[in-house]
């Protein structure tokens, strides 16, 4: 399966009022190799294991496989992960036919807010909400796997 998404910085907090749902997410990476990123994630009472390939189309697309696993197993796998876990609260915001996932990062990535929108084609158009800031698609610093290795709070200006 190919995942096609674009990623943006977020300005302001208007997305919170527009949100239809909020989820707390804790995730870690068993592999941060760009050719085969392997992520384990806990969302509420669910666990997930996700494998992603290298990005292409300037960072817009990549192969992705995701599987639900028992929460207890996901929690155990988190203990095996490389580096720091990534903690965030995800807000789901509808904009026309698309849903933006806005992530407020916590812990070592506190202060970072990113929005992603999944598309059916790299060239697909979409409504850009007023709180959508500069695009960072393809900027590896903003990949969750890299935020686990080089957290936002440790970036130098």
Protein backbone atom coordinates (compact mmCIF):
# COMPACT_ATOMS: atom_id res chain seq x y z
CA UNK A 1 0.00 0.00 0.00
CA UNK A 2 1.24 3.50 -0.80
CA UNK A 3 0.63 6.34 1.66
CA UNK A 4 0.43 9.81 0.11
CA UNK A 5 0.43 12.73 2.54
CA UNK A 6 1.52 16.31 2.96
CA UNK A 7 2.74 17.80 6.22
CA UNK A 8 2.54 21.37 7.54
CA UNK A 9 3.47 23.41 10.58
CA UNK A 10 0.43 24.80 12.40
CA UNK A 11 -0.18 28.36 13.55
CA UNK A 12 -2.59 29.24 16.35
CA UNK A 13 -5.01 26.89 18.11
CA UNK A 14 -8.21 27.31 16.05
CA UNK A 15 -7.97 23.64 14.99
CA UNK A 16 -8.91 22.62 18.55
CA UNK A 17 -12.38 24.16 18.21
CA UNK A 18 -12.80 22.63 14.74
CA UNK A 19 -11.73 19.16 15.91
CA UNK A 20 -14.17 16.26 15.81
CA UNK A 21 -12.00 13.96 17.96
CA UNK A 22 -8.87 13.84 20.11
CA UNK A 23 -6.57 10.86 20.67
CA UNK A 24 -3.54 10.42 22.94
CA UNK A 25 -0.74 8.61 21.11
CA UNK A 26 2.49 7.08 22.43
CA UNK A 27 4.81 5.61 19.84
CA UNK A 28 8.34 4.34 19.47
CA UNK A 29 10.55 3.02 16.71
CA UNK A 30 12.08 -0.44 16.47
CA UNK A 31 13.96 0.77 13.38
CA UNK A 32 14.57 4.33 12.19
CA UNK A 33 16.42 3.22 9.04
CA UNK A 34 14.94 5.36 6.21
CA UNK A 35 14.62 2.25 4.02
CA UNK A 36 12.47 0.41 6.60
CA UNK A 37 11.04 2.35 9.49
CA UNK A 38 9.23 0.11 12.00
CA UNK A 39 6.90 1.85 14.46
CA UNK A 40 4.93 0.57 17.43
CA UNK A 41 2.04 2.73 18.62
CA UNK A 42 -0.47 2.79 21.48
CA UNK A 43 -3.72 4.69 20.97
CA UNK A 44 -6.16 4.30 23.84
CA UNK A 45 -6.84 0.56 24.21
CA UNK A 46 -5.35 -0.36 20.82
CA UNK A 47 -1.85 -1.25 19.70
CA UNK A 48 -0.42 -1.02 16.18
CA UNK A 49 2.71 -2.13 14.36
CA UNK A 50 3.57 -0.16 11.22
CA UNK A 51 6.28 -0.71 8.62
CA UNK A 52 7.14 2.11 6.22
CA UNK A 53 9.51 2.20 3.26
CA UNK A 54 11.70 5.05 2.00
CA UNK A 55 9.88 8.20 0.90
CA UNK A 56 9.67 9.26 -2.74
CA UNK A 57 7.90 12.04 -4.69
CA UNK A 58 9.82 14.68 -2.66
CA UNK A 59 8.71 13.10 0.61
CA UNK A 60 5.01 12.90 -0.27
CA UNK A 61 4.70 9.12 -0.79
CA UNK A 62 5.95 5.85 0.65
CA UNK A 63 4.94 2.24 1.09
CA UNK A 64 3.16 1.55 4.37
CA UNK A 65 1.71 -1.52 6.10
CA UNK A 66 -0.12 -1.22 9.42
CA UNK A 67 -1.41 -4.01 11.66
CA UNK A 68 -3.42 -3.91 14.85
CA UNK A 69 -1.77 -5.88 17.66
CA UNK A 70 -2.82 -6.47 21.28
CA UNK A 71 -2.20 -3.41 23.48
CA UNK A 72 -0.12 -5.43 25.94
CA UNK A 73 2.22 -6.52 23.13
CA UNK A 74 2.51 -2.92 21.88
CA UNK A 75 3.42 -1.77 25.41
CA UNK A 76 6.07 -4.50 25.65
CA UNK A 77 7.48 -3.60 22.22
CA UNK A 78 7.75 0.06 23.29
CA UNK A 79 10.35 -1.09 25.82
CA UNK A 80 12.53 -2.40 22.94
CA UNK A 81 12.38 0.80 20.89
CA UNK A 82 15.33 2.93 19.87
CA UNK A 83 15.78 6.23 21.66
CA UNK A 84 12.90 8.33 23.04
CA UNK A 85 9.17 7.64 22.66
CA UNK A 86 7.11 10.23 20.81
CA UNK A 87 4.10 11.50 22.75
CA UNK A 88 1.33 13.53 21.17
CA UNK A 89 -2.32 14.46 21.19
CA UNK A 90 -3.96 14.11 17.79
CA UNK A 91 -6.88 16.28 16.74
CA UNK A 92 -8.93 15.22 13.71
CA UNK A 93 -10.25 18.17 11.73
CA UNK A 94 -12.46 17.96 8.66
CA UNK A 95 -11.77 20.32 5.75
CA UNK A 96 -14.02 19.57 2.82
CA UNK A 97 -13.66 15.90 1.86
CA UNK A 98 -10.34 15.55 3.74
CA UNK A 99 -9.45 15.05 7.38
CA UNK A 100 -6.37 16.78 8.77
CA UNK A 101 -4.60 15.06 11.64
CA UNK A 102 -3.13 17.79 13.83
CA UNK A 103 -0.52 16.55 16.30
CA UNK A 104 0.38 18.54 19.41
CA UNK A 105 3.64 16.99 20.55
CA UNK A 106 4.41 16.54 24.24
CA UNK A 107 7.45 15.51 26.26
CA UNK A 108 10.76 16.05 24.47
CA UNK A 109 8.93 17.43 21.41
CA UNK A 110 6.75 19.86 23.38
CA UNK A 111 5.90 23.00 21.44
CA UNK A 112 5.80 21.37 18.02
CA UNK A 113 2.42 21.22 16.24
CA UNK A 114 2.15 19.52 12.84
CA UNK A 115 -0.77 18.79 10.52
CA UNK A 116 -0.93 16.00 7.94
CA UNK A 117 -3.47 15.34 5.24
CA UNK A 118 -3.69 12.03 3.36
CA UNK A 119 -4.38 12.23 -0.35
CA UNK A 120 -5.25 9.82 -3.15
CA UNK A 121 -2.66 11.38 -5.49
CA UNK A 122 0.36 13.62 -4.94
CA UNK A 123 -1.22 16.30 -7.14
CA UNK A 124 -4.65 16.18 -5.46
CA UNK A 125 -5.95 19.59 -4.36
CA UNK A 126 -7.38 20.20 -0.90
CA UNK A 127 -8.81 23.00 1.23
CA UNK A 128 -6.13 24.73 3.32
CA UNK A 129 -7.52 25.78 6.72
CA UNK A 130 -6.50 29.23 8.04
CA UNK A 131 -4.33 27.66 10.76
CA UNK A 132 -2.19 25.75 8.26
CA UNK A 133 1.35 27.15 8.25
CA UNK A 134 4.41 26.46 6.09
CA UNK A 135 4.69 23.10 4.36
CA UNK A 136 7.38 20.74 5.69
CA UNK A 137 6.62 17.68 3.53
CA UNK A 138 9.89 15.93 2.81
CA UNK A 139 11.82 17.72 5.59
CA UNK A 140 13.19 14.70 7.47
CA UNK A 141 13.54 16.67 10.73
CA UNK A 142 9.74 16.50 11.07
CA UNK A 143 9.43 12.74 10.55
CA UNK A 144 8.27 11.14 13.79
CA UNK A 145 11.14 8.65 13.58
CA UNK A 146 13.61 11.53 13.53
CA UNK A 147 11.80 13.36 16.34
CA UNK A 148 12.43 10.27 18.47
CA UNK A 149 16.18 10.58 17.79
CA UNK A 150 16.52 14.37 17.68
CA UNK A 151 13.64 15.86 19.72
CA UNK A 152 12.27 19.31 18.87
CA UNK A 153 13.20 20.78 22.29
CA UNK A 154 16.85 19.99 21.53
CA UNK A 155 16.99 21.74 18.15
CA UNK A 156 19.29 24.71 17.92
CA UNK A 157 17.84 27.84 16.35
